[in-house]
Amino acid sequence: MENKMQFRSASFGGFNRQDVLNYIEQTAKESAQQLEELQAQCDEGLNREESLTQQESSLNGQLSHHVLLI
């Protein structure tokens, strides 16, 4: 997230208040969007992990069954 925002100077020092508020609002929206994307990726990873754990358990069961037959 790279924002190259320039704030206009205010008449009595500092920066233009609306510029700063717009910047804060924009970065907050971007941060919220990134957080949602990261949460979705995390959820996807957790679902994948659960699926793989179930597959591993199933394969271990099959392996145990085959070992008992030998």
Protein backbone atom coordinates (compact mmCIF):
# COMPACT_ATOMS: atom_id res chain seq x y z
CA MET A 1 0.00 0.00 0.00
CA GLU A 2 1.97 2.93 -1.25
CA ASN A 3 0.22 6.29 -1.10
CA LYS A 4 2.08 9.32 -2.36
CA MET A 5 -0.37 11.90 -1.12
CA GLN A 6 0.57 15.53 -0.88
CA PHE A 7 -1.30 17.69 1.57
CA ARG A 8 -1.99 21.30 0.79
CA SER A 9 -0.74 23.74 3.40
CA ALA A 10 -3.30 25.56 5.49
CA SER A 11 -3.34 29.33 5.86
CA PHE A 12 -2.12 29.27 9.45
CA GLY A 13 0.41 26.43 9.35
CA GLY A 14 -0.20 22.74 9.22
CA PHE A 15 -2.09 20.95 6.49
CA ASN A 16 -5.46 21.26 4.88
CA ARG A 17 -7.82 19.45 7.24
CA GLN A 18 -9.97 17.94 4.46
CA ASP A 19 -6.91 16.56 2.67
CA VAL A 20 -5.84 14.81 5.86
CA LEU A 21 -9.34 13.46 6.54
CA ASN A 22 -9.61 12.19 2.95
CA TYR A 23 -6.24 10.48 3.28
CA ILE A 24 -7.20 8.83 6.56
CA GLU A 25 -10.51 7.65 5.10
CA GLN A 26 -8.81 6.29 1.98
CA THR A 27 -6.13 4.41 3.90
CA ALA A 28 -8.72 3.02 6.32
CA LYS A 29 -10.75 1.64 3.38
CA GLU A 30 -7.63 0.13 1.81
CA SER A 31 -6.61 -1.43 5.12
CA ALA A 32 -10.08 -2.89 5.65
CA GLN A 33 -10.05 -4.37 2.14
CA GLN A 34 -6.62 -5.89 2.67
CA LEU A 35 -7.74 -7.30 6.01
CA GLU A 36 -10.77 -8.93 4.35
CA GLU A 37 -8.54 -10.43 1.65
CA LEU A 38 -6.08 -11.77 4.20
CA GLN A 39 -8.91 -13.21 6.29
CA ALA A 40 -10.30 -14.95 3.20
CA GLN A 41 -6.86 -16.39 2.44
CA CYS A 42 -6.52 -17.54 6.03
CA ASP A 43 -9.95 -19.19 5.95
CA GLU A 44 -9.08 -20.89 2.67
CA GLY A 45 -5.83 -22.18 4.16
CA LEU A 46 -7.62 -23.48 7.24
CA ASN A 47 -10.20 -25.25 5.08
CA ARG A 48 -7.44 -26.79 3.00
CA GLU A 49 -5.62 -27.92 6.14
CA GLU A 50 -8.79 -29.53 7.48
CA SER A 51 -9.36 -31.31 4.17
CA LEU A 52 -5.78 -32.60 4.10
CA THR A 53 -6.04 -33.76 7.71
CA GLN A 54 -9.17 -35.72 6.84
CA GLN A 55 -7.46 -37.24 3.81
CA GLU A 56 -4.46 -38.19 5.94
CA SER A 57 -6.70 -39.83 8.51
CA SER A 58 -8.53 -41.78 5.80
CA LEU A 59 -5.27 -42.92 4.21
CA ASN A 60 -3.86 -43.94 7.59
CA GLY A 61 -6.99 -46.00 8.19
CA GLN A 62 -6.64 -47.68 4.82
CA LEU A 63 -2.97 -48.34 5.48
CA SER A 64 -3.74 -49.87 8.87
CA HIS A 65 -6.36 -52.09 7.28
CA HIS A 66 -3.89 -53.25 4.61
CA VAL A 67 -1.15 -53.91 7.19
CA LEU A 68 -3.55 -56.08 9.22
CA LEU A 69 -4.29 -58.13 6.12
CA ILE A 70 -0.61 -58.86 5.53
